[in-house]
PDB file of all heavy atoms in Angstrom:
ATOM      1  N   PHE A   1      -7.587 -11.614   0.735  1.00  0.00           N
ATOM      2  CA  PHE A   1      -7.995 -12.528   1.795  1.00  0.00           C
ATOM      3  C   PHE A   1      -8.254 -11.812   3.114  1.00  0.00           C
ATOM      4  O   PHE A   1      -8.772 -12.414   4.055  1.00  0.00           O
ATOM      5  CB  PHE A   1      -6.954 -13.632   1.972  1.00  0.00           C
ATOM      6  CG  PHE A   1      -6.806 -14.515   0.755  1.00  0.00           C
ATOM      7  CD1 PHE A   1      -5.564 -14.905   0.301  1.00  0.00           C
ATOM      8  CD2 PHE A   1      -7.921 -14.946   0.057  1.00  0.00           C
ATOM      9  CE1 PHE A   1      -5.428 -15.704  -0.819  1.00  0.00           C
ATOM     10  CE2 PHE A   1      -7.799 -15.747  -1.070  1.00  0.00           C
ATOM     11  CZ  PHE A   1      -6.549 -16.131  -1.516  1.00  0.00           C
ATOM     12  N   GLY A   2      -7.911 -10.542   3.183  1.00  0.00           N
ATOM     13  CA  GLY A   2      -8.273  -9.735   4.339  1.00  0.00           C
ATOM     14  C   GLY A   2      -9.705  -9.239   4.279  1.00  0.00           C
ATOM     15  O   GLY A   2     -10.174  -8.584   5.204  1.00  0.00           O
ATOM     16  N   GLY A   3     -10.394  -9.526   3.173  1.00  0.00           N
ATOM     17  CA  GLY A   3     -11.784  -9.116   3.027  1.00  0.00           C
ATOM     18  C   GLY A   3     -11.952  -7.862   2.193  1.00  0.00           C
ATOM     19  O   GLY A   3     -12.861  -7.070   2.438  1.00  0.00           O
ATOM     20  N   GLY A   4     -11.104  -7.672   1.197  1.00  0.00           N
ATOM     21  CA  GLY A   4     -11.205  -6.482   0.354  1.00  0.00           C
ATOM     22  C   GLY A   4     -10.816  -5.211   1.075  1.00  0.00           C
ATOM     23  O   GLY A   4     -11.271  -4.119   0.724  1.00  0.00           O
ATOM     24  N   THR A   5      -9.927  -5.343   2.069  1.00  0.00           N
ATOM     25  CA  THR A   5      -9.528  -4.200   2.889  1.00  0.00           C
ATOM     26  C   THR A   5      -8.770  -3.156   2.074  1.00  0.00           C
ATOM     27  O   THR A   5      -7.859  -3.490   1.310  1.00  0.00           O
ATOM     28  CB  THR A   5      -8.622  -4.674   4.044  1.00  0.00           C
ATOM     29  OG1 THR A   5      -9.310  -5.673   4.782  1.00  0.00           O
ATOM     30  CG2 THR A   5      -8.245  -3.518   4.955  1.00  0.00           C
ATOM     31  N   VAL A   6      -9.123  -1.898   2.273  1.00  0.00           N
ATOM     32  CA  VAL A   6      -8.371  -0.787   1.698  1.00  0.00           C
ATOM     33  C   VAL A   6      -7.254  -0.416   2.671  1.00  0.00           C
ATOM     34  O   VAL A   6      -7.509  -0.136   3.848  1.00  0.00           O
ATOM     35  CB  VAL A   6      -9.281   0.431   1.454  1.00  0.00           C
ATOM     36  CG1 VAL A   6      -8.464   1.610   0.940  1.00  0.00           C
ATOM     37  CG2 VAL A   6     -10.399   0.074   0.468  1.00  0.00           C
ATOM     38  N   GLN A   7      -6.030  -0.423   2.185  1.00  0.00           N
ATOM     39  CA  GLN A   7      -4.916   0.015   3.025  1.00  0.00           C
ATOM     40  C   GLN A   7      -5.008   1.534   3.209  1.00  0.00           C
ATOM     41  O   GLN A   7      -5.030   2.273   2.230  1.00  0.00           O
ATOM     42  CB  GLN A   7      -3.570  -0.324   2.361  1.00  0.00           C
ATOM     43  CG  GLN A   7      -3.351  -1.790   2.079  1.00  0.00           C
ATOM     44  CD  GLN A   7      -2.958  -2.575   3.312  1.00  0.00           C
ATOM     45  OE1 GLN A   7      -2.749  -2.026   4.386  1.00  0.00           O
ATOM     46  NE2 GLN A   7      -2.836  -3.887   3.165  1.00  0.00           N
ATOM     47  N   PRO A   8      -5.073   2.027   4.439  1.00  0.00           N
ATOM     48  CA  PRO A   8      -5.107   3.484   4.640  1.00  0.00           C
ATOM     49  C   PRO A   8      -3.892   4.152   3.999  1.00  0.00           C
ATOM     50  O   PRO A   8      -2.763   3.670   4.152  1.00  0.00           O
ATOM     51  CB  PRO A   8      -5.085   3.629   6.168  1.00  0.00           C
ATOM     52  CG  PRO A   8      -5.634   2.328   6.674  1.00  0.00           C
ATOM     53  CD  PRO A   8      -5.148   1.285   5.714  1.00  0.00           C
ATOM     54  N   TYR A   9      -4.139   5.235   3.303  1.00  0.00           N
ATOM     55  CA  TYR A   9      -3.047   5.874   2.554  1.00  0.00           C
ATOM     56  C   TYR A   9      -1.895   6.267   3.467  1.00  0.00           C
ATOM     57  O   TYR A   9      -0.719   6.113   3.103  1.00  0.00           O
ATOM     58  CB  TYR A   9      -3.569   7.103   1.795  1.00  0.00           C
ATOM     59  CG  TYR A   9      -2.488   7.775   0.987  1.00  0.00           C
ATOM     60  CD1 TYR A   9      -2.119   7.271  -0.253  1.00  0.00           C
ATOM     61  CD2 TYR A   9      -1.813   8.894   1.477  1.00  0.00           C
ATOM     62  CE1 TYR A   9      -1.103   7.860  -0.996  1.00  0.00           C
ATOM     63  CE2 TYR A   9      -0.802   9.493   0.743  1.00  0.00           C
ATOM     64  CZ  TYR A   9      -0.454   8.966  -0.484  1.00  0.00           C
ATOM     65  OH  TYR A   9       0.556   9.546  -1.212  1.00  0.00           O
ATOM     66  N   GLU A  10      -2.216   6.761   4.666  1.00  0.00           N
ATOM     67  CA  GLU A  10      -1.143   7.197   5.560  1.00  0.00           C
ATOM     68  C   GLU A  10      -0.279   6.009   5.995  1.00  0.00           C
ATOM     69  O   GLU A  10       0.933   6.171   6.206  1.00  0.00           O
ATOM     70  CB  GLU A  10      -1.718   7.910   6.783  1.00  0.00           C
ATOM     71  CG  GLU A  10      -2.679   7.114   7.639  1.00  0.00           C
ATOM     72  CD  GLU A  10      -4.121   7.182   7.178  1.00  0.00           C
ATOM     73  OE1 GLU A  10      -4.368   7.586   6.009  1.00  0.00           O
ATOM     74  OE2 GLU A  10      -5.011   6.829   8.000  1.00  0.00           O
ATOM     75  N   HIS A  11      -0.860   4.816   6.092  1.00  0.00           N
ATOM     76  CA  HIS A  11      -0.070   3.625   6.411  1.00  0.00           C
ATOM     77  C   HIS A  11       0.868   3.297   5.260  1.00  0.00           C
ATOM     78  O   HIS A  11       2.036   2.958   5.478  1.00  0.00           O
ATOM     79  CB  HIS A  11      -0.992   2.437   6.677  1.00  0.00           C
ATOM     80  CG  HIS A  11      -1.708   2.495   7.982  1.00  0.00           C
ATOM     81  ND1 HIS A  11      -2.035   1.367   8.714  1.00  0.00           N
ATOM     82  CD2 HIS A  11      -2.172   3.534   8.707  1.00  0.00           C
ATOM     83  CE1 HIS A  11      -2.660   1.717   9.817  1.00  0.00           C
ATOM     84  NE2 HIS A  11      -2.764   3.029   9.828  1.00  0.00           N
ATOM     85  N   LEU A  12       0.353   3.371   4.040  1.00  0.00           N
ATOM     86  CA  LEU A  12       1.184   3.092   2.873  1.00  0.00           C
ATOM     87  C   LEU A  12       2.342   4.070   2.778  1.00  0.00           C
ATOM     88  O   LEU A  12       3.483   3.683   2.488  1.00  0.00           O
ATOM     89  CB  LEU A  12       0.341   3.155   1.603  1.00  0.00           C
ATOM     90  CG  LEU A  12      -0.807   2.153   1.476  1.00  0.00           C
ATOM     91  CD1 LEU A  12      -1.569   2.395   0.185  1.00  0.00           C
ATOM     92  CD2 LEU A  12      -0.291   0.718   1.538  1.00  0.00           C
ATOM     93  N   ALA A  13       2.052   5.333   3.016  1.00  0.00           N
ATOM     94  CA  ALA A  13       3.109   6.352   2.947  1.00  0.00           C
ATOM     95  C   ALA A  13       4.166   6.115   4.014  1.00  0.00           C
ATOM     96  O   ALA A  13       5.374   6.293   3.775  1.00  0.00           O
ATOM     97  CB  ALA A  13       2.498   7.743   3.098  1.00  0.00           C
ATOM     98  N   GLU A  14       3.730   5.693   5.193  1.00  0.00           N
ATOM     99  CA  GLU A  14       4.679   5.425   6.276  1.00  0.00           C
ATOM    100  C   GLU A  14       5.575   4.246   5.937  1.00  0.00           C
ATOM    101  O   GLU A  14       6.796   4.291   6.145  1.00  0.00           O
ATOM    102  CB  GLU A  14       3.914   5.160   7.572  1.00  0.00           C
ATOM    103  CG  GLU A  14       4.798   5.011   8.796  1.00  0.00           C
ATOM    104  CD  GLU A  14       4.006   4.796  10.075  1.00  0.00           C
ATOM    105  OE1 GLU A  14       2.768   4.670  10.003  1.00  0.00           O
ATOM    106  OE2 GLU A  14       4.647   4.743  11.148  1.00  0.00           O
ATOM    107  N   VAL A  15       4.991   3.174   5.396  1.00  0.00           N
ATOM    108  CA  VAL A  15       5.794   2.017   5.013  1.00  0.00           C
ATOM    109  C   VAL A  15       6.734   2.367   3.860  1.00  0.00           C
ATOM    110  O   VAL A  15       7.891   1.923   3.822  1.00  0.00           O
ATOM    111  CB  VAL A  15       4.890   0.827   4.638  1.00  0.00           C
ATOM    112  CG1 VAL A  15       5.718  -0.336   4.108  1.00  0.00           C
ATOM    113  CG2 VAL A  15       4.068   0.381   5.834  1.00  0.00           C
ATOM    114  N   SER A  16       6.263   3.172   2.919  1.00  0.00           N
ATOM    115  CA  SER A  16       7.109   3.590   1.806  1.00  0.00           C
ATOM    116  C   SER A  16       8.342   4.345   2.299  1.00  0.00           C
ATOM    117  O   SER A  16       9.478   4.061   1.887  1.00  0.00           O
ATOM    118  CB  SER A  16       6.305   4.465   0.844  1.00  0.00           C
ATOM    119  OG  SER A  16       7.096   4.893  -0.242  1.00  0.00           O
ATOM    120  N   SER A  17       8.138   5.283   3.198  1.00  0.00           N
ATOM    121  CA  SER A  17       9.270   6.037   3.751  1.00  0.00           C
ATOM    122  C   SER A  17      10.207   5.119   4.526  1.00  0.00           C
ATOM    123  O   SER A  17      11.435   5.226   4.416  1.00  0.00           O
ATOM    124  CB  SER A  17       8.762   7.151   4.670  1.00  0.00           C
ATOM    125  OG  SER A  17       8.028   8.107   3.945  1.00  0.00           O
ATOM    126  N   LEU A  18       9.636   4.217   5.292  1.00  0.00           N
ATOM    127  CA  LEU A  18      10.427   3.275   6.074  1.00  0.00           C
ATOM    128  C   LEU A  18      11.327   2.438   5.164  1.00  0.00           C
ATOM    129  O   LEU A  18      12.533   2.279   5.427  1.00  0.00           O
ATOM    130  CB  LEU A  18       9.494   2.367   6.868  1.00  0.00           C
ATOM    131  CG  LEU A  18      10.117   1.224   7.664  1.00  0.00           C
ATOM    132  CD1 LEU A  18      10.911   1.775   8.837  1.00  0.00           C
ATOM    133  CD2 LEU A  18       9.022   0.272   8.147  1.00  0.00           C
ATOM    134  N   CYS A  19      10.749   1.905   4.108  1.00  0.00           N
ATOM    135  CA  CYS A  19      11.517   1.060   3.192  1.00  0.00           C
ATOM    136  C   CYS A  19      12.626   1.835   2.505  1.00  0.00           C
ATOM    137  O   CYS A  19      13.783   1.388   2.450  1.00  0.00           O
ATOM    138  CB  CYS A  19      10.586   0.450   2.145  1.00  0.00           C
ATOM    139  SG  CYS A  19       9.499  -0.834   2.781  1.00  0.00           S
ATOM    140  N   HIS A  20      12.282   2.979   1.987  1.00  0.00           N
ATOM    141  CA  HIS A  20      13.276   3.723   1.217  1.00  0.00           C
ATOM    142  C   HIS A  20      14.371   4.283   2.114  1.00  0.00           C
ATOM    143  O   HIS A  20      15.536   4.353   1.711  1.00  0.00           O
ATOM    144  CB  HIS A  20      12.577   4.788   0.382  1.00  0.00           C
ATOM    145  CG  HIS A  20      11.661   4.204  -0.646  1.00  0.00           C
ATOM    146  ND1 HIS A  20      10.464   4.783  -1.016  1.00  0.00           N
ATOM    147  CD2 HIS A  20      11.754   3.060  -1.374  1.00  0.00           C
ATOM    148  CE1 HIS A  20       9.873   4.031  -1.936  1.00  0.00           C
ATOM    149  NE2 HIS A  20      10.630   2.982  -2.162  1.00  0.00           N
ATOM    150  N   ASP A  21      14.046   4.627   3.345  1.00  0.00           N
ATOM    151  CA  ASP A  21      15.080   5.061   4.295  1.00  0.00           C
ATOM    152  C   ASP A  21      16.031   3.913   4.629  1.00  0.00           C
ATOM    153  O   ASP A  21      17.212   4.138   4.915  1.00  0.00           O
ATOM    154  CB  ASP A  21      14.432   5.589   5.587  1.00  0.00           C
ATOM    155  CG  ASP A  21      13.756   6.929   5.399  1.00  0.00           C
ATOM    156  OD1 ASP A  21      13.973   7.568   4.355  1.00  0.00           O
ATOM    157  OD2 ASP A  21      12.989   7.332   6.301  1.00  0.00           O
ATOM    158  N   ALA A  22      15.505   2.686   4.597  1.00  0.00           N
ATOM    159  CA  ALA A  22      16.322   1.514   4.906  1.00  0.00           C
ATOM    160  C   ALA A  22      17.025   0.936   3.686  1.00  0.00           C
ATOM    161  O   ALA A  22      17.735  -0.068   3.790  1.00  0.00           O
ATOM    162  CB  ALA A  22      15.447   0.434   5.551  1.00  0.00           C
ATOM    163  N   GLY A  23      16.805   1.547   2.522  1.00  0.00           N
ATOM    164  CA  GLY A  23      17.419   1.051   1.298  1.00  0.00           C
ATOM    165  C   GLY A  23      16.723  -0.159   0.706  1.00  0.00           C
ATOM    166  O   GLY A  23      17.304  -0.895  -0.094  1.00  0.00           O
ATOM    167  N   LEU A  24      15.461  -0.378   1.090  1.00  0.00           N
ATOM    168  CA  LEU A  24      14.671  -1.486   0.563  1.00  0.00           C
ATOM    169  C   LEU A  24      13.706  -0.986  -0.503  1.00  0.00           C
ATOM    170  O   LEU A  24      13.312   0.179  -0.516  1.00  0.00           O
ATOM    171  CB  LEU A  24      13.888  -2.165   1.686  1.00  0.00           C
ATOM    172  CG  LEU A  24      14.697  -2.709   2.858  1.00  0.00           C
ATOM    173  CD1 LEU A  24      13.773  -3.373   3.873  1.00  0.00           C
ATOM    174  CD2 LEU A  24      15.765  -3.680   2.389  1.00  0.00           C
ATOM    175  N   SER A  25      13.303  -1.885  -1.370  1.00  0.00           N
ATOM    176  CA  SER A  25      12.328  -1.566  -2.409  1.00  0.00           C
ATOM    177  C   SER A  25      10.934  -1.973  -1.956  1.00  0.00           C
ATOM    178  O   SER A  25      10.768  -2.720  -0.991  1.00  0.00           O
ATOM    179  CB  SER A  25      12.695  -2.267  -3.716  1.00  0.00           C
ATOM    180  OG  SER A  25      13.959  -1.834  -4.186  1.00  0.00           O
ATOM    181  N   LEU A  26       9.924  -1.501  -2.690  1.00  0.00           N
ATOM    182  CA  LEU A  26       8.533  -1.725  -2.296  1.00  0.00           C
ATOM    183  C   LEU A  26       7.696  -2.054  -3.529  1.00  0.00           C
ATOM    184  O   LEU A  26       7.676  -1.296  -4.501  1.00  0.00           O
ATOM    185  CB  LEU A  26       7.992  -0.467  -1.608  1.00  0.00           C
ATOM    186  CG  LEU A  26       6.635  -0.552  -0.910  1.00  0.00           C
ATOM    187  CD1 LEU A  26       6.629  -1.601   0.191  1.00  0.00           C
ATOM    188  CD2 LEU A  26       6.268   0.815  -0.325  1.00  0.00           C
ATOM    189  N   HIS A  27       7.023  -3.205  -3.460  1.00  0.00           N
ATOM    190  CA  HIS A  27       6.137  -3.652  -4.544  1.00  0.00           C
ATOM    191  C   HIS A  27       4.688  -3.583  -4.089  1.00  0.00           C
ATOM    192  O   HIS A  27       4.365  -3.947  -2.945  1.00  0.00           O
ATOM    193  CB  HIS A  27       6.468  -5.089  -4.947  1.00  0.00           C
ATOM    194  CG  HIS A  27       5.498  -5.681  -5.929  1.00  0.00           C
ATOM    195  ND1 HIS A  27       5.444  -5.273  -7.250  1.00  0.00           N
ATOM    196  CD2 HIS A  27       4.530  -6.642  -5.788  1.00  0.00           C
ATOM    197  CE1 HIS A  27       4.500  -5.964  -7.881  1.00  0.00           C
ATOM    198  NE2 HIS A  27       3.920  -6.788  -7.013  1.00  0.00           N
ATOM    199  N   LEU A  28       3.812  -3.150  -4.979  1.00  0.00           N
ATOM    200  CA  LEU A  28       2.383  -3.129  -4.701  1.00  0.00           C
ATOM    201  C   LEU A  28       1.663  -4.140  -5.575  1.00  0.00           C
ATOM    202  O   LEU A  28       1.700  -4.043  -6.811  1.00  0.00           O
ATOM    203  CB  LEU A  28       1.783  -1.742  -4.970  1.00  0.00           C
ATOM    204  CG  LEU A  28       0.257  -1.664  -4.837  1.00  0.00           C
ATOM    205  CD1 LEU A  28      -0.202  -1.974  -3.418  1.00  0.00           C
ATOM    206  CD2 LEU A  28      -0.263  -0.289  -5.268  1.00  0.00           C
ATOM    207  N   ASP A  29       1.034  -5.121  -4.928  1.00  0.00           N
ATOM    208  CA  ASP A  29       0.069  -5.962  -5.618  1.00  0.00           C
ATOM    209  C   ASP A  29      -1.251  -5.200  -5.582  1.00  0.00           C
ATOM    210  O   ASP A  29      -2.016  -5.290  -4.626  1.00  0.00           O
ATOM    211  CB  ASP A  29      -0.047  -7.317  -4.927  1.00  0.00           C
ATOM    212  CG  ASP A  29      -1.082  -8.228  -5.594  1.00  0.00           C
ATOM    213  OD1 ASP A  29      -1.718  -7.784  -6.575  1.00  0.00           O
ATOM    214  OD2 ASP A  29      -1.267  -9.358  -5.117  1.00  0.00           O
ATOM    215  N   GLY A  30      -1.482  -4.450  -6.622  1.00  0.00           N
ATOM    216  CA  GLY A  30      -2.683  -3.620  -6.714  1.00  0.00           C
ATOM    217  C   GLY A  30      -3.703  -4.214  -7.660  1.00  0.00           C
ATOM    218  O   GLY A  30      -4.345  -3.473  -8.419  1.00  0.00           O
ATOM    219  N   ALA A  31      -3.864  -5.527  -7.591  1.00  0.00           N
ATOM    220  CA  ALA A  31      -4.827  -6.188  -8.475  1.00  0.00           C
ATOM    221  C   ALA A  31      -6.178  -5.482  -8.439  1.00  0.00           C
ATOM    222  O   ALA A  31      -6.823  -5.290  -9.468  1.00  0.00           O
ATOM    223  CB  ALA A  31      -4.983  -7.655  -8.077  1.00  0.00           C
ATOM    224  N   ARG A  32      -6.577  -5.067  -7.228  1.00  0.00           N
ATOM    225  CA  ARG A  32      -7.848  -4.343  -7.073  1.00  0.00           C
ATOM    226  C   ARG A  32      -7.604  -2.921  -6.568  1.00  0.00           C
ATOM    227  O   ARG A  32      -8.417  -2.369  -5.816  1.00  0.00           O
ATOM    228  CB  ARG A  32      -8.779  -5.118  -6.133  1.00  0.00           C
ATOM    229  CG  ARG A  32      -9.219  -6.471  -6.687  1.00  0.00           C
ATOM    230  CD  ARG A  32     -10.134  -7.221  -5.738  1.00  0.00           C
ATOM    231  NE  ARG A  32     -10.620  -8.469  -6.306  1.00  0.00           N
ATOM    232  CZ  ARG A  32      -9.972  -9.630  -6.247  1.00  0.00           C
ATOM    233  NH1 ARG A  32      -8.802  -9.704  -5.621  1.00  0.00           N
ATOM    234  NH2 ARG A  32     -10.484 -10.723  -6.799  1.00  0.00           N
ATOM    235  N   LEU A  33      -6.508  -2.310  -7.011  1.00  0.00           N
ATOM    236  CA  LEU A  33      -6.252  -0.925  -6.644  1.00  0.00           C
ATOM    237  C   LEU A  33      -7.362  -0.009  -7.150  1.00  0.00           C
ATOM    238  O   LEU A  33      -7.676   1.015  -6.529  1.00  0.00           O
ATOM    239  CB  LEU A  33      -4.906  -0.463  -7.222  1.00  0.00           C
ATOM    240  CG  LEU A  33      -4.434   0.929  -6.788  1.00  0.00           C
ATOM    241  CD1 LEU A  33      -4.172   0.982  -5.288  1.00  0.00           C
ATOM    242  CD2 LEU A  33      -3.188   1.344  -7.564  1.00  0.00           C
ATOM    243  N   TRP A  34      -7.973  -0.379  -8.262  1.00  0.00           N
ATOM    244  CA  TRP A  34      -9.101   0.395  -8.787  1.00  0.00           C
ATOM    245  C   TRP A  34     -10.216   0.488  -7.742  1.00  0.00           C
ATOM    246  O   TRP A  34     -10.851   1.534  -7.601  1.00  0.00           O
ATOM    247  CB  TRP A  34      -9.649  -0.264 -10.058  1.00  0.00           C
ATOM    248  CG  TRP A  34      -8.622  -0.757 -11.015  1.00  0.00           C
ATOM    249  CD1 TRP A  34      -8.323  -2.061 -11.297  1.00  0.00           C
ATOM    250  CD2 TRP A  34      -7.743   0.035 -11.825  1.00  0.00           C
ATOM    251  NE1 TRP A  34      -7.329  -2.123 -12.240  1.00  0.00           N
ATOM    252  CE2 TRP A  34      -6.957  -0.866 -12.583  1.00  0.00           C
ATOM    253  CE3 TRP A  34      -7.558   1.410 -12.003  1.00  0.00           C
ATOM    254  CZ2 TRP A  34      -5.993  -0.438 -13.495  1.00  0.00           C
ATOM    255  CZ3 TRP A  34      -6.591   1.839 -12.905  1.00  0.00           C
ATOM    256  CH2 TRP A  34      -5.821   0.929 -13.631  1.00  0.00           C
ATOM    257  N   ASN A  35     -10.456  -0.599  -7.003  1.00  0.00           N
ATOM    258  CA  ASN A  35     -11.490  -0.590  -5.966  1.00  0.00           C
ATOM    259  C   ASN A  35     -11.101   0.314  -4.805  1.00  0.00           C
ATOM    260  O   ASN A  35     -11.952   1.010  -4.232  1.00  0.00           O
ATOM    261  CB  ASN A  35     -11.746  -2.006  -5.453  1.00  0.00           C
ATOM    262  CG  ASN A  35     -12.371  -2.901  -6.510  1.00  0.00           C
ATOM    263  OD1 ASN A  35     -11.659  -3.517  -7.302  1.00  0.00           O
ATOM    264  ND2 ASN A  35     -13.685  -2.974  -6.540  1.00  0.00           N
ATOM    265  N   ALA A  36      -9.814   0.310  -4.435  1.00  0.00           N
ATOM    266  CA  ALA A  36      -9.358   1.216  -3.378  1.00  0.00           C
ATOM    267  C   ALA A  36      -9.546   2.661  -3.795  1.00  0.00           C
ATOM    268  O   ALA A  36      -9.996   3.509  -3.008  1.00  0.00           O
ATOM    269  CB  ALA A  36      -7.892   0.934  -3.058  1.00  0.00           C
ATOM    270  N   HIS A  37      -9.219   2.962  -5.033  1.00  0.00           N
ATOM    271  CA  HIS A  37      -9.403   4.316  -5.573  1.00  0.00           C
ATOM    272  C   HIS A  37     -10.878   4.703  -5.571  1.00  0.00           C
ATOM    273  O   HIS A  37     -11.241   5.815  -5.157  1.00  0.00           O
ATOM    274  CB  HIS A  37      -8.830   4.358  -6.993  1.00  0.00           C
ATOM    275  CG  HIS A  37      -9.236   5.540  -7.803  1.00  0.00           C
ATOM    276  ND1 HIS A  37      -8.843   6.825  -7.501  1.00  0.00           N
ATOM    277  CD2 HIS A  37     -10.027   5.626  -8.907  1.00  0.00           C
ATOM    278  CE1 HIS A  37      -9.357   7.659  -8.394  1.00  0.00           C
ATOM    279  NE2 HIS A  37     -10.081   6.959  -9.244  1.00  0.00           N
ATOM    280  N   ALA A  38     -11.741   3.777  -5.999  1.00  0.00           N
ATOM    281  CA  ALA A  38     -13.179   4.070  -6.033  1.00  0.00           C
ATOM    282  C   ALA A  38     -13.735   4.289  -4.634  1.00  0.00           C
ATOM    283  O   ALA A  38     -14.634   5.117  -4.432  1.00  0.00           O
ATOM    284  CB  ALA A  38     -13.925   2.928  -6.727  1.00  0.00           C
ATOM    285  N   ALA A  39     -13.208   3.557  -3.656  1.00  0.00           N
ATOM    286  CA  ALA A  39     -13.729   3.644  -2.290  1.00  0.00           C
ATOM    287  C   ALA A  39     -13.243   4.884  -1.553  1.00  0.00           C
ATOM    288  O   ALA A  39     -13.954   5.412  -0.693  1.00  0.00           O
ATOM    289  CB  ALA A  39     -13.335   2.397  -1.497  1.00  0.00           C
TER     290      ALA A  39
END
């Protein structure tokens, strides 16, 4: 619903580190992860 936006990899990595440092888990709804990879 954001318009097929690709999450910048560096943003994802930053959130991943943030979550794991805080003891939280992280789920990816990558329904169209193939499109992010292609782009």
